[in-house]
All heavy atoms as atom14 arrays in JSON, in Angstrom:
{
  "sequence": "KPRVGLLNNGTEASKGSELTKKAFELLSQETSIHFVGNVEARDILTG",
  "atom14_mask": [
    [1, 1, 1, 1, 1, 1, 1, 1, 1, 0, 0, 0, 0, 0],
    [1, 1, 1, 1, 1, 1, 1, 0, 0, 0, 0, 0, 0, 0],
    [1, 1, 1, 1, 1, 1, 1, 1, 1, 1, 1, 0, 0, 0],
    [1, 1, 1, 1, 1, 1, 1, 0, 0, 0, 0, 0, 0, 0],
    [1, 1, 1, 1, 0, 0, 0, 0, 0, 0, 0, 0, 0, 0],
    [1, 1, 1, 1, 1, 1, 1, 1, 0, 0, 0, 0, 0, 0],
    [1, 1, 1, 1, 1, 1, 1, 1, 0, 0, 0, 0, 0, 0],
    [1, 1, 1, 1, 1, 1, 1, 1, 0, 0, 0, 0, 0, 0],
    [1, 1, 1, 1, 1, 1, 1, 1, 0, 0, 0, 0, 0, 0],
    [1, 1, 1, 1, 0, 0, 0, 0, 0, 0, 0, 0, 0, 0],
    [1, 1, 1, 1, 1, 1, 1, 0, 0, 0, 0, 0, 0, 0],
    [1, 1, 1, 1, 1, 1, 1, 1, 1, 0, 0, 0, 0, 0],
    [1, 1, 1, 1, 1, 0, 0, 0, 0, 0, 0, 0, 0, 0],
    [1, 1, 1, 1, 1, 1, 0, 0, 0, 0, 0, 0, 0, 0],
    [1, 1, 1, 1, 1, 1, 1, 1, 1, 0, 0, 0, 0, 0],
    [1, 1, 1, 1, 0, 0, 0, 0, 0, 0, 0, 0, 0, 0],
    [1, 1, 1, 1, 1, 1, 0, 0, 0, 0, 0, 0, 0, 0],
    [1, 1, 1, 1, 1, 1, 1, 1, 1, 0, 0, 0, 0, 0],
    [1, 1, 1, 1, 1, 1, 1, 1, 0, 0, 0, 0, 0, 0],
    [1, 1, 1, 1, 1, 1, 1, 0, 0, 0, 0, 0, 0, 0],
    [1, 1, 1, 1, 1, 1, 1, 1, 1, 0, 0, 0, 0, 0],
    [1, 1, 1, 1, 1, 1, 1, 1, 1, 0, 0, 0, 0, 0],
    [1, 1, 1, 1, 1, 0, 0, 0, 0, 0, 0, 0, 0, 0],
    [1, 1, 1, 1, 1, 1, 1, 1, 1, 1, 1, 0, 0, 0],
    [1, 1, 1, 1, 1, 1, 1, 1, 1, 0, 0, 0, 0, 0],
    [1, 1, 1, 1, 1, 1, 1, 1, 0, 0, 0, 0, 0, 0],
    [1, 1, 1, 1, 1, 1, 1, 1, 0, 0, 0, 0, 0, 0],
    [1, 1, 1, 1, 1, 1, 0, 0, 0, 0, 0, 0, 0, 0],
    [1, 1, 1, 1, 1, 1, 1, 1, 1, 0, 0, 0, 0, 0],
    [1, 1, 1, 1, 1, 1, 1, 1, 1, 0, 0, 0, 0, 0],
    [1, 1, 1, 1, 1, 1, 1, 0, 0, 0, 0, 0, 0, 0],
    [1, 1, 1, 1, 1, 1, 0, 0, 0, 0, 0, 0, 0, 0],
    [1, 1, 1, 1, 1, 1, 1, 1, 0, 0, 0, 0, 0, 0],
    [1, 1, 1, 1, 1, 1, 1, 1, 1, 1, 0, 0, 0, 0],
    [1, 1, 1, 1, 1, 1, 1, 1, 1, 1, 1, 0, 0, 0],
    [1, 1, 1, 1, 1, 1, 1, 0, 0, 0, 0, 0, 0, 0],
    [1, 1, 1, 1, 0, 0, 0, 0, 0, 0, 0, 0, 0, 0],
    [1, 1, 1, 1, 1, 1, 1, 1, 0, 0, 0, 0, 0, 0],
    [1, 1, 1, 1, 1, 1, 1, 0, 0, 0, 0, 0, 0, 0],
    [1, 1, 1, 1, 1, 1, 1, 1, 1, 0, 0, 0, 0, 0],
    [1, 1, 1, 1, 1, 0, 0, 0, 0, 0, 0, 0, 0, 0],
    [1, 1, 1, 1, 1, 1, 1, 1, 1, 1, 1, 0, 0, 0],
    [1, 1, 1, 1, 1, 1, 1, 1, 0, 0, 0, 0, 0, 0],
    [1, 1, 1, 1, 1, 1, 1, 1, 0, 0, 0, 0, 0, 0],
    [1, 1, 1, 1, 1, 1, 1, 1, 0, 0, 0, 0, 0, 0],
    [1, 1, 1, 1, 1, 1, 1, 0, 0, 0, 0, 0, 0, 0],
    [1, 1, 1, 1, 0, 0, 0, 0, 0, 0, 0, 0, 0, 0]
  ],
  "atom14_positions": [
    [[-112.39, 106.06, 111.27], [-112.22, 105.62, 109.88], [-112.45, 104.1, 109.76], [-111.54, 103.34, 109.43], [-110.83, 105.97, 109.37], [-110.72, 106.01, 107.85], [-109.33, 106.44, 107.42], [-109.22, 106.48, 105.9], [-107.87, 106.89, 105.44], [0.0, 0.0, 0.0], [0.0, 0.0, 0.0], [0.0, 0.0, 0.0], [0.0, 0.0, 0.0], [0.0, 0.0, 0.0]],
    [[-113.67, 103.63, 110.01], [-113.98, 102.19, 109.95], [-113.66, 101.6, 108.57], [-113.95, 102.2, 107.54], [-115.49, 102.14, 110.22], [-115.81, 103.43, 110.88], [-114.87, 104.44, 110.3], [0.0, 0.0, 0.0], [0.0, 0.0, 0.0], [0.0, 0.0, 0.0], [0.0, 0.0, 0.0], [0.0, 0.0, 0.0], [0.0, 0.0, 0.0], [0.0, 0.0, 0.0]],
    [[-113.08, 100.41, 108.59], [-112.78, 99.7, 107.34], [-114.03, 98.95, 106.88], [-114.58, 98.15, 107.62], [-111.65, 98.71, 107.56], [-110.32, 99.32, 107.99], [-109.4, 98.27, 108.6], [-110.01, 97.7, 109.79], [-109.78, 96.44, 110.22], [-108.97, 95.64, 109.56], [-110.37, 96.0, 111.31], [0.0, 0.0, 0.0], [0.0, 0.0, 0.0], [0.0, 0.0, 0.0]],
    [[-114.45, 99.2, 105.66], [-115.65, 98.59, 105.1], [-115.25, 97.53, 104.08], [-114.51, 97.81, 103.13], [-116.56, 99.64, 104.42], [-117.79, 98.97, 103.82], [-116.96, 100.72, 105.42], [0.0, 0.0, 0.0], [0.0, 0.0, 0.0], [0.0, 0.0, 0.0], [0.0, 0.0, 0.0], [0.0, 0.0, 0.0], [0.0, 0.0, 0.0], [0.0, 0.0, 0.0]],
    [[-115.73, 96.3, 104.28], [-115.45, 95.21, 103.36], [-116.72, 94.67, 102.73], [-117.79, 94.68, 103.36], [0.0, 0.0, 0.0], [0.0, 0.0, 0.0], [0.0, 0.0, 0.0], [0.0, 0.0, 0.0], [0.0, 0.0, 0.0], [0.0, 0.0, 0.0], [0.0, 0.0, 0.0], [0.0, 0.0, 0.0], [0.0, 0.0, 0.0], [0.0, 0.0, 0.0]],
    [[-116.63, 94.21, 101.49], [-117.76, 93.6, 100.78], [-117.62, 92.09, 100.84], [-116.62, 91.53, 100.38], [-117.77, 94.07, 99.32], [-118.79, 93.43, 98.39], [-120.22, 93.79, 98.82], [-118.55, 93.86, 96.94], [0.0, 0.0, 0.0], [0.0, 0.0, 0.0], [0.0, 0.0, 0.0], [0.0, 0.0, 0.0], [0.0, 0.0, 0.0], [0.0, 0.0, 0.0]],
    [[-118.61, 91.41, 101.41], [-118.56, 89.95, 101.51], [-118.63, 89.34, 100.12], [-119.54, 89.63, 99.35], [-119.72, 89.45, 102.37], [-119.69, 87.96, 102.72], [-118.48, 87.63, 103.6], [-120.98, 87.54, 103.42], [0.0, 0.0, 0.0], [0.0, 0.0, 0.0], [0.0, 0.0, 0.0], [0.0, 0.0, 0.0], [0.0, 0.0, 0.0], [0.0, 0.0, 0.0]],
    [[-117.66, 88.46, 99.81], [-117.59, 87.87, 98.48], [-116.94, 86.5, 98.57], [-116.48, 86.08, 99.63], [-116.81, 88.79, 97.53], [-117.3, 88.71, 96.09], [-117.86, 87.7, 95.67], [-117.09, 89.78, 95.34], [0.0, 0.0, 0.0], [0.0, 0.0, 0.0], [0.0, 0.0, 0.0], [0.0, 0.0, 0.0], [0.0, 0.0, 0.0], [0.0, 0.0, 0.0]],
    [[-116.89, 85.79, 97.44], [-116.3, 84.46, 97.42], [-114.83, 84.48, 97.04], [-114.24, 83.47, 96.69], [-117.07, 83.53, 96.46], [-117.0, 84.0, 95.02], [-116.67, 85.16, 94.74], [-117.31, 83.11, 94.09], [0.0, 0.0, 0.0], [0.0, 0.0, 0.0], [0.0, 0.0, 0.0], [0.0, 0.0, 0.0], [0.0, 0.0, 0.0], [0.0, 0.0, 0.0]],
    [[-114.22, 85.63, 97.12], [-112.8, 85.81, 96.86], [-112.44, 87.26, 97.06], [-113.3, 88.15, 97.04], [0.0, 0.0, 0.0], [0.0, 0.0, 0.0], [0.0, 0.0, 0.0], [0.0, 0.0, 0.0], [0.0, 0.0, 0.0], [0.0, 0.0, 0.0], [0.0, 0.0, 0.0], [0.0, 0.0, 0.0], [0.0, 0.0, 0.0], [0.0, 0.0, 0.0]],
    [[-111.16, 87.54, 97.29], [-110.74, 88.92, 97.55], [-110.46, 89.71, 96.27], [-110.42, 90.94, 96.31], [-109.47, 88.93, 98.42], [-108.44, 88.18, 97.76], [-109.75, 88.31, 99.79], [0.0, 0.0, 0.0], [0.0, 0.0, 0.0], [0.0, 0.0, 0.0], [0.0, 0.0, 0.0], [0.0, 0.0, 0.0], [0.0, 0.0, 0.0], [0.0, 0.0, 0.0]],
    [[-110.3, 89.01, 95.16], [-110.02, 89.71, 93.9], [-111.22, 90.51, 93.44], [-112.37, 90.11, 93.61], [-109.63, 88.71, 92.8], [-108.41, 87.86, 93.12], [-108.75, 86.57, 93.84], [-109.88, 86.46, 94.38], [-107.88, 85.69, 93.89], [0.0, 0.0, 0.0], [0.0, 0.0, 0.0], [0.0, 0.0, 0.0], [0.0, 0.0, 0.0], [0.0, 0.0, 0.0]],
    [[-110.96, 91.66, 92.81], [-112.03, 92.53, 92.33], [-112.89, 91.86, 91.27], [-114.06, 92.2, 91.1], [-111.44, 93.82, 91.77], [0.0, 0.0, 0.0], [0.0, 0.0, 0.0], [0.0, 0.0, 0.0], [0.0, 0.0, 0.0], [0.0, 0.0, 0.0], [0.0, 0.0, 0.0], [0.0, 0.0, 0.0], [0.0, 0.0, 0.0], [0.0, 0.0, 0.0]],
    [[-112.32, 90.9, 90.55], [-113.05, 90.22, 89.47], [-113.96, 89.1, 89.97], [-114.72, 88.53, 89.19], [-112.05, 89.63, 88.47], [-111.18, 88.71, 89.13], [0.0, 0.0, 0.0], [0.0, 0.0, 0.0], [0.0, 0.0, 0.0], [0.0, 0.0, 0.0], [0.0, 0.0, 0.0], [0.0, 0.0, 0.0], [0.0, 0.0, 0.0], [0.0, 0.0, 0.0]],
    [[-113.91, 88.78, 91.25], [-114.69, 87.67, 91.8], [-116.14, 88.06, 92.04], [-116.47, 89.24, 92.19], [-114.07, 87.22, 93.13], [-112.76, 86.47, 93.01], [-113.0, 85.01, 92.67], [-111.71, 84.22, 92.79], [-111.93, 82.78, 92.58], [0.0, 0.0, 0.0], [0.0, 0.0, 0.0], [0.0, 0.0, 0.0], [0.0, 0.0, 0.0], [0.0, 0.0, 0.0]],
    [[-117.01, 87.03, 92.11], [-118.37, 87.23, 92.56], [-119.42, 87.25, 91.48], [-119.15, 87.01, 90.3], [0.0, 0.0, 0.0], [0.0, 0.0, 0.0], [0.0, 0.0, 0.0], [0.0, 0.0, 0.0], [0.0, 0.0, 0.0], [0.0, 0.0, 0.0], [0.0, 0.0, 0.0], [0.0, 0.0, 0.0], [0.0, 0.0, 0.0], [0.0, 0.0, 0.0]],
    [[-120.64, 87.56, 91.92], [-121.79, 87.65, 91.03], [-121.84, 89.03, 90.39], [-121.04, 89.91, 90.71], [-123.07, 87.41, 91.84], [-123.23, 88.44, 92.81], [0.0, 0.0, 0.0], [0.0, 0.0, 0.0], [0.0, 0.0, 0.0], [0.0, 0.0, 0.0], [0.0, 0.0, 0.0], [0.0, 0.0, 0.0], [0.0, 0.0, 0.0], [0.0, 0.0, 0.0]],
    [[-122.81, 89.23, 89.51], [-122.98, 90.54, 88.91], [-123.29, 91.59, 89.98], [-122.85, 92.74, 89.89], [-124.1, 90.5, 87.86], [-123.74, 89.73, 86.6], [-122.47, 90.25, 85.93], [-122.37, 91.49, 85.75], [-121.58, 89.44, 85.62], [0.0, 0.0, 0.0], [0.0, 0.0, 0.0], [0.0, 0.0, 0.0], [0.0, 0.0, 0.0], [0.0, 0.0, 0.0]],
    [[-124.05, 91.17, 91.0], [-124.37, 92.08, 92.11], [-123.11, 92.56, 92.81], [-122.9, 93.76, 93.01], [-125.3, 91.39, 93.11], [-125.56, 92.13, 94.43], [-126.33, 93.42, 94.18], [-126.31, 91.24, 95.42], [0.0, 0.0, 0.0], [0.0, 0.0, 0.0], [0.0, 0.0, 0.0], [0.0, 0.0, 0.0], [0.0, 0.0, 0.0], [0.0, 0.0, 0.0]],
    [[-122.24, 91.62, 93.22], [-121.06, 91.99, 93.99], [-120.01, 92.7, 93.13], [-119.3, 93.59, 93.62], [-120.44, 90.76, 94.68], [-120.15, 89.76, 93.69], [-121.38, 90.2, 95.72], [0.0, 0.0, 0.0], [0.0, 0.0, 0.0], [0.0, 0.0, 0.0], [0.0, 0.0, 0.0], [0.0, 0.0, 0.0], [0.0, 0.0, 0.0], [0.0, 0.0, 0.0]],
    [[-119.92, 92.34, 91.86], [-118.96, 93.02, 90.98], [-119.32, 94.5, 90.81], [-118.46, 95.38, 90.88], [-118.91, 92.34, 89.61], [-118.21, 90.99, 89.61], [-118.27, 90.36, 88.23], [-117.66, 88.97, 88.22], [-117.77, 88.33, 86.88], [0.0, 0.0, 0.0], [0.0, 0.0, 0.0], [0.0, 0.0, 0.0], [0.0, 0.0, 0.0], [0.0, 0.0, 0.0]],
    [[-120.61, 94.76, 90.58], [-121.07, 96.14, 90.43], [-120.97, 96.88, 91.75], [-120.56, 98.07, 91.79], [-122.51, 96.16, 89.91], [-123.06, 97.56, 89.66], [-122.27, 98.32, 88.61], [-122.88, 99.68, 88.31], [-122.07, 100.46, 87.35], [0.0, 0.0, 0.0], [0.0, 0.0, 0.0], [0.0, 0.0, 0.0], [0.0, 0.0, 0.0], [0.0, 0.0, 0.0]],
    [[-121.31, 96.2, 92.85], [-121.22, 96.83, 94.17], [-119.77, 97.18, 94.5], [-119.49, 98.24, 95.06], [-121.78, 95.89, 95.24], [0.0, 0.0, 0.0], [0.0, 0.0, 0.0], [0.0, 0.0, 0.0], [0.0, 0.0, 0.0], [0.0, 0.0, 0.0], [0.0, 0.0, 0.0], [0.0, 0.0, 0.0], [0.0, 0.0, 0.0], [0.0, 0.0, 0.0]],
    [[-118.84, 96.3, 94.12], [-117.41, 96.56, 94.34], [-116.99, 97.85, 93.62], [-116.3, 98.71, 94.18], [-116.57, 95.39, 93.83], [-115.09, 95.53, 94.08], [-114.5, 94.93, 95.17], [-114.28, 96.28, 93.22], [-113.13, 95.07, 95.41], [-112.93, 96.43, 93.44], [-112.34, 95.82, 94.55], [0.0, 0.0, 0.0], [0.0, 0.0, 0.0], [0.0, 0.0, 0.0]],
    [[-117.44, 97.97, 92.38], [-117.11, 99.15, 91.58], [-117.64, 100.42, 92.23], [-116.93, 101.43, 92.33], [-117.68, 98.97, 90.17], [-117.43, 100.15, 89.24], [-118.12, 99.97, 87.89], [-118.52, 98.83, 87.56], [-118.3, 100.99, 87.19], [0.0, 0.0, 0.0], [0.0, 0.0, 0.0], [0.0, 0.0, 0.0], [0.0, 0.0, 0.0], [0.0, 0.0, 0.0]],
    [[-118.9, 100.37, 92.66], [-119.53, 101.55, 93.26], [-118.92, 101.9, 94.62], [-118.71, 103.07, 94.94], [-121.04, 101.34, 93.4], [-121.82, 101.2, 92.08], [-123.28, 100.88, 92.38], [-121.71, 102.48, 91.25], [0.0, 0.0, 0.0], [0.0, 0.0, 0.0], [0.0, 0.0, 0.0], [0.0, 0.0, 0.0], [0.0, 0.0, 0.0], [0.0, 0.0, 0.0]],
    [[-118.64, 100.87, 95.41], [-118.04, 101.09, 96.73], [-116.64, 101.69, 96.59], [-116.22, 102.53, 97.41], [-117.98, 99.78, 97.52], [-119.31, 99.3, 98.12], [-119.23, 97.83, 98.5], [-119.69, 100.14, 99.33], [0.0, 0.0, 0.0], [0.0, 0.0, 0.0], [0.0, 0.0, 0.0], [0.0, 0.0, 0.0], [0.0, 0.0, 0.0], [0.0, 0.0, 0.0]],
    [[-115.92, 101.27, 95.57], [-114.57, 101.8, 95.33], [-114.6, 103.28, 95.01], [-113.63, 104.01, 95.25], [-113.9, 101.03, 94.18], [-113.77, 99.67, 94.49], [0.0, 0.0, 0.0], [0.0, 0.0, 0.0], [0.0, 0.0, 0.0], [0.0, 0.0, 0.0], [0.0, 0.0, 0.0], [0.0, 0.0, 0.0], [0.0, 0.0, 0.0], [0.0, 0.0, 0.0]],
    [[-115.72, 103.74, 94.48], [-115.86, 105.15, 94.09], [-116.47, 106.01, 95.2], [-116.51, 107.24, 95.06], [-116.72, 105.25, 92.82], [-116.14, 104.54, 91.61], [-117.14, 104.4, 90.47], [-118.27, 104.9, 90.55], [-116.74, 103.73, 89.4], [0.0, 0.0, 0.0], [0.0, 0.0, 0.0], [0.0, 0.0, 0.0], [0.0, 0.0, 0.0], [0.0, 0.0, 0.0]],
    [[-116.96, 105.37, 96.26], [-117.63, 106.11, 97.33], [-116.59, 106.75, 98.27], [-115.88, 106.06, 99.01], [-118.54, 105.17, 98.13], [-119.29, 105.81, 99.27], [-120.1, 107.02, 98.84], [-120.91, 106.91, 97.89], [-119.92, 108.08, 99.47], [0.0, 0.0, 0.0], [0.0, 0.0, 0.0], [0.0, 0.0, 0.0], [0.0, 0.0, 0.0], [0.0, 0.0, 0.0]],
    [[-116.49, 108.06, 98.23], [-115.44, 108.76, 98.98], [-115.75, 108.95, 100.46], [-114.84, 109.3, 101.23], [-115.2, 110.15, 98.35], [-116.44, 110.9, 98.36], [-114.71, 110.01, 96.91], [0.0, 0.0, 0.0], [0.0, 0.0, 0.0], [0.0, 0.0, 0.0], [0.0, 0.0, 0.0], [0.0, 0.0, 0.0], [0.0, 0.0, 0.0], [0.0, 0.0, 0.0]],
    [[-117.0, 108.72, 100.87], [-117.36, 108.97, 102.27], [-116.99, 107.81, 103.19], [-117.15, 107.92, 104.41], [-118.86, 109.25, 102.38], [-119.62, 108.09, 102.07], [0.0, 0.0, 0.0], [0.0, 0.0, 0.0], [0.0, 0.0, 0.0], [0.0, 0.0, 0.0], [0.0, 0.0, 0.0], [0.0, 0.0, 0.0], [0.0, 0.0, 0.0], [0.0, 0.0, 0.0]],
    [[-116.52, 106.68, 102.63], [-116.16, 105.52, 103.44], [-114.76, 105.04, 103.12], [-114.19, 105.39, 102.07], [-117.16, 104.35, 103.23], [-117.13, 103.86, 101.77], [-118.57, 104.75, 103.64], [-117.96, 102.62, 101.52], [0.0, 0.0, 0.0], [0.0, 0.0, 0.0], [0.0, 0.0, 0.0], [0.0, 0.0, 0.0], [0.0, 0.0, 0.0], [0.0, 0.0, 0.0]],
    [[-114.2, 104.23, 104.02], [-112.88, 103.63, 103.82], [-113.09, 102.18, 103.37], [-113.15, 101.26, 104.18], [-112.07, 103.7, 105.12], [-110.74, 103.04, 105.05], [-109.92, 103.11, 103.95], [-110.07, 102.3, 105.97], [-108.81, 102.44, 104.17], [-108.87, 101.93, 105.39], [0.0, 0.0, 0.0], [0.0, 0.0, 0.0], [0.0, 0.0, 0.0], [0.0, 0.0, 0.0]],
    [[-113.22, 102.01, 102.05], [-113.5, 100.69, 101.49], [-112.19, 99.92, 101.31], [-111.25, 100.42, 100.68], [-114.22, 100.83, 100.14], [-114.56, 99.53, 99.47], [-115.33, 98.58, 100.14], [-114.14, 99.25, 98.17], [-115.66, 97.37, 99.53], [-114.47, 98.06, 97.56], [-115.23, 97.11, 98.24], [0.0, 0.0, 0.0], [0.0, 0.0, 0.0], [0.0, 0.0, 0.0]],
    [[-112.14, 98.68, 101.86], [-110.91, 97.88, 101.81], [-111.02, 96.71, 100.84], [-110.13, 95.87, 100.78], [-110.52, 97.38, 103.21], [-110.18, 98.55, 104.13], [-111.63, 96.51, 103.83], [0.0, 0.0, 0.0], [0.0, 0.0, 0.0], [0.0, 0.0, 0.0], [0.0, 0.0, 0.0], [0.0, 0.0, 0.0], [0.0, 0.0, 0.0], [0.0, 0.0, 0.0]],
    [[-112.13, 96.65, 100.09], [-112.27, 95.61, 99.07], [-113.1, 94.42, 99.53], [-113.83, 94.48, 100.52], [0.0, 0.0, 0.0], [0.0, 0.0, 0.0], [0.0, 0.0, 0.0], [0.0, 0.0, 0.0], [0.0, 0.0, 0.0], [0.0, 0.0, 0.0], [0.0, 0.0, 0.0], [0.0, 0.0, 0.0], [0.0, 0.0, 0.0], [0.0, 0.0, 0.0]],
    [[-112.98, 93.32, 98.78], [-113.71, 92.09, 99.09], [-113.13, 91.4, 100.31], [-111.91, 91.41, 100.53], [-113.66, 91.13, 97.9], [-114.49, 91.61, 96.72], [-115.51, 92.26, 96.9], [-114.05, 91.29, 95.52], [0.0, 0.0, 0.0], [0.0, 0.0, 0.0], [0.0, 0.0, 0.0], [0.0, 0.0, 0.0], [0.0, 0.0, 0.0], [0.0, 0.0, 0.0]],
    [[-114.01, 90.78, 101.09], [-113.57, 89.94, 102.22], [-114.32, 88.61, 102.13], [-115.44, 88.55, 101.64], [-113.86, 90.6, 103.59], [-113.04, 91.88, 103.74], [-115.34, 90.9, 103.77], [0.0, 0.0, 0.0], [0.0, 0.0, 0.0], [0.0, 0.0, 0.0], [0.0, 0.0, 0.0], [0.0, 0.0, 0.0], [0.0, 0.0, 0.0], [0.0, 0.0, 0.0]],
    [[-113.66, 87.55, 102.58], [-114.27, 86.22, 102.53], [-114.9, 85.87, 103.87], [-114.45, 86.34, 104.93], [-113.23, 85.18, 102.13], [-112.68, 85.38, 100.72], [-111.79, 84.24, 100.28], [-112.33, 83.13, 100.05], [-110.58, 84.43, 100.17], [0.0, 0.0, 0.0], [0.0, 0.0, 0.0], [0.0, 0.0, 0.0], [0.0, 0.0, 0.0], [0.0, 0.0, 0.0]],
    [[-115.91, 85.01, 103.82], [-116.64, 84.63, 105.03], [-115.73, 84.0, 106.08], [-115.93, 84.22, 107.28], [-117.77, 83.67, 104.67], [0.0, 0.0, 0.0], [0.0, 0.0, 0.0], [0.0, 0.0, 0.0], [0.0, 0.0, 0.0], [0.0, 0.0, 0.0], [0.0, 0.0, 0.0], [0.0, 0.0, 0.0], [0.0, 0.0, 0.0], [0.0, 0.0, 0.0]],
    [[-114.71, 83.27, 105.63], [-113.81, 82.6, 106.59], [-112.98, 83.59, 107.4], [-112.4, 83.23, 108.44], [-112.89, 81.64, 105.85], [-111.88, 82.33, 104.95], [-111.04, 81.34, 104.18], [-110.06, 82.01, 103.32], [-109.26, 81.37, 102.48], [-109.34, 80.06, 102.37], [-108.4, 82.05, 101.74], [0.0, 0.0, 0.0], [0.0, 0.0, 0.0], [0.0, 0.0, 0.0]],
    [[-112.86, 84.83, 106.92], [-111.99, 85.82, 107.57], [-112.72, 86.84, 108.41], [-112.07, 87.61, 109.14], [-111.18, 86.57, 106.5], [-110.25, 85.65, 105.72], [-109.71, 84.71, 106.33], [-110.08, 85.89, 104.5], [0.0, 0.0, 0.0], [0.0, 0.0, 0.0], [0.0, 0.0, 0.0], [0.0, 0.0, 0.0], [0.0, 0.0, 0.0], [0.0, 0.0, 0.0]],
    [[-114.05, 86.91, 108.33], [-114.74, 88.02, 108.98], [-114.64, 88.0, 110.5], [-114.66, 89.05, 111.14], [-116.23, 88.12, 108.54], [-116.99, 86.84, 108.88], [-116.32, 88.43, 107.05], [-118.47, 86.92, 108.53], [0.0, 0.0, 0.0], [0.0, 0.0, 0.0], [0.0, 0.0, 0.0], [0.0, 0.0, 0.0], [0.0, 0.0, 0.0], [0.0, 0.0, 0.0]],
    [[-114.48, 86.81, 111.1], [-114.35, 86.73, 112.56], [-112.94, 87.05, 113.03], [-112.68, 87.07, 114.24], [-114.76, 85.35, 113.07], [-116.24, 84.95, 112.89], [-116.49, 83.57, 113.45], [-117.16, 85.96, 113.55], [0.0, 0.0, 0.0], [0.0, 0.0, 0.0], [0.0, 0.0, 0.0], [0.0, 0.0, 0.0], [0.0, 0.0, 0.0], [0.0, 0.0, 0.0]],
    [[-112.02, 87.29, 112.1], [-110.64, 87.62, 112.47], [-110.4, 89.12, 112.48], [-109.28, 89.56, 112.74], [-109.64, 86.95, 111.51], [-109.79, 87.53, 110.2], [-109.87, 85.46, 111.43], [0.0, 0.0, 0.0], [0.0, 0.0, 0.0], [0.0, 0.0, 0.0], [0.0, 0.0, 0.0], [0.0, 0.0, 0.0], [0.0, 0.0, 0.0], [0.0, 0.0, 0.0]],
    [[-111.41, 89.91, 112.16], [-111.26, 91.36, 112.2], [-110.72, 91.96, 110.93], [-110.09, 93.02, 110.96], [0.0, 0.0, 0.0], [0.0, 0.0, 0.0], [0.0, 0.0, 0.0], [0.0, 0.0, 0.0], [0.0, 0.0, 0.0], [0.0, 0.0, 0.0], [0.0, 0.0, 0.0], [0.0, 0.0, 0.0], [0.0, 0.0, 0.0], [0.0, 0.0, 0.0]]
  ]
}
């Protein structure tokens, strides 16, 4: 059950460009993956 994160400039669902906002919405609805929301670049090396 890998955790899937969307790279963004903030963890809030309202953050980002039109691309990332729409992608967040679609990823949240995708039942085949374990989506954990937005992740920031500073945190990706921490797991």
